[in-house]
């Protein structure tokens, strides 16, 4: 299975988390399902996500620059990097 690994830096974790929690239906329509969230221990505004990717093409469309910019501004995302990955070892 393909996954998406994301690294974010957010202005306010609680604001970002509320926006993330409210977007589960949009994620599902985009072929994504949130699996895990990690938060930096030394920097609590640093966030890592793993999402299952059920439709890579829909996920890529979901990540178009205009939509990402709009949703990032609303959620207070300062930095956002992502990669599609696959597990090769258990």
Protein backbone atom coordinates (compact mmCIF):
# COMPACT_ATOMS: atom_id res chain seq x y z
CA UNK A 1 0.00 0.00 0.00
CA UNK A 2 1.13 3.52 -0.79
CA UNK A 3 1.28 6.04 2.05
CA UNK A 4 1.86 9.75 2.17
CA UNK A 5 4.38 11.11 4.67
CA UNK A 6 3.94 14.79 5.55
CA UNK A 7 6.10 17.19 7.55
CA UNK A 8 4.53 20.44 8.67
CA UNK A 9 5.42 23.40 10.82
CA UNK A 10 2.32 25.11 12.18
CA UNK A 11 1.72 28.42 13.92
CA UNK A 12 -0.68 26.97 16.50
CA UNK A 13 -1.03 23.20 16.89
CA UNK A 14 -4.57 23.33 18.31
CA UNK A 15 -5.84 25.49 15.43
CA UNK A 16 -4.19 23.20 12.89
CA UNK A 17 -5.53 20.05 14.62
CA UNK A 18 -9.10 21.40 14.59
CA UNK A 19 -8.80 22.14 10.85
CA UNK A 20 -7.33 18.68 10.21
CA UNK A 21 -10.10 16.99 12.20
CA UNK A 22 -12.75 18.84 10.21
CA UNK A 23 -11.31 17.75 6.85
CA UNK A 24 -11.71 13.96 7.12
CA UNK A 25 -14.55 13.84 4.56
CA UNK A 26 -12.51 15.89 2.09
CA UNK A 27 -9.52 13.61 2.66
CA UNK A 28 -11.65 10.53 2.02
CA UNK A 29 -12.98 12.00 -1.24
CA UNK A 30 -9.35 12.55 -2.20
CA UNK A 31 -8.37 8.93 -1.62
CA UNK A 32 -6.62 9.63 1.70
CA UNK A 33 -7.08 8.33 5.23
CA UNK A 34 -5.16 9.71 8.20
CA UNK A 35 -3.32 6.91 10.01
CA UNK A 36 -0.99 8.61 12.49
CA UNK A 37 0.00 12.05 13.76
CA UNK A 38 3.26 12.82 15.56
CA UNK A 39 4.25 16.05 17.25
CA UNK A 40 7.80 17.22 17.96
CA UNK A 41 8.87 16.95 21.60
CA UNK A 42 11.40 19.79 21.36
CA UNK A 43 9.27 21.80 18.93
CA UNK A 44 5.53 21.21 19.47
CA UNK A 45 4.73 23.16 16.29
CA UNK A 46 6.48 20.49 14.21
CA UNK A 47 4.00 17.85 12.99
CA UNK A 48 4.42 14.61 11.03
CA UNK A 49 1.56 12.68 9.41
CA UNK A 50 1.13 9.31 7.76
CA UNK A 51 -1.89 8.89 5.50
CA UNK A 52 -3.02 5.81 3.60
CA UNK A 53 -3.31 6.56 -0.10
CA UNK A 54 -6.21 4.69 -1.71
CA UNK A 55 -6.10 6.69 -4.95
CA UNK A 56 -2.78 8.35 -5.73
CA UNK A 57 -4.13 10.40 -8.63
CA UNK A 58 -6.96 11.86 -6.53
CA UNK A 59 -4.48 12.55 -3.74
CA UNK A 60 -2.21 14.43 -6.16
CA UNK A 61 -5.17 16.50 -7.35
CA UNK A 62 -6.04 17.25 -3.70
CA UNK A 63 -2.51 18.62 -3.25
CA UNK A 64 -2.66 21.18 -6.04
CA UNK A 65 -0.81 24.36 -5.05
CA UNK A 66 -3.82 26.70 -4.94
CA UNK A 67 -5.87 24.44 -2.65
CA UNK A 68 -2.89 23.70 -0.42
CA UNK A 69 -2.12 27.41 -0.09
CA UNK A 70 -5.73 28.25 0.85
CA UNK A 71 -6.11 25.44 3.38
CA UNK A 72 -2.62 26.06 4.80
CA UNK A 73 -3.42 29.72 5.44
CA UNK A 74 -6.67 28.79 7.21
CA UNK A 75 -4.99 26.14 9.37
CA UNK A 76 -1.87 28.21 10.12
CA UNK A 77 0.58 25.96 8.27
CA UNK A 78 3.95 27.68 7.88
CA UNK A 79 5.79 24.85 6.07
CA UNK A 80 4.47 21.76 4.31
CA UNK A 81 6.39 18.97 2.59
CA UNK A 82 5.01 15.61 1.49
CA UNK A 83 6.10 12.44 -0.27
CA UNK A 84 4.36 9.30 -1.45
CA UNK A 85 6.14 6.31 0.09
CA UNK A 86 5.81 2.54 0.24
CA UNK A 87 6.92 0.24 3.02
CA UNK A 88 9.71 -2.11 2.07
CA UNK A 89 10.48 -3.64 5.50
CA UNK A 90 8.23 -4.64 8.38
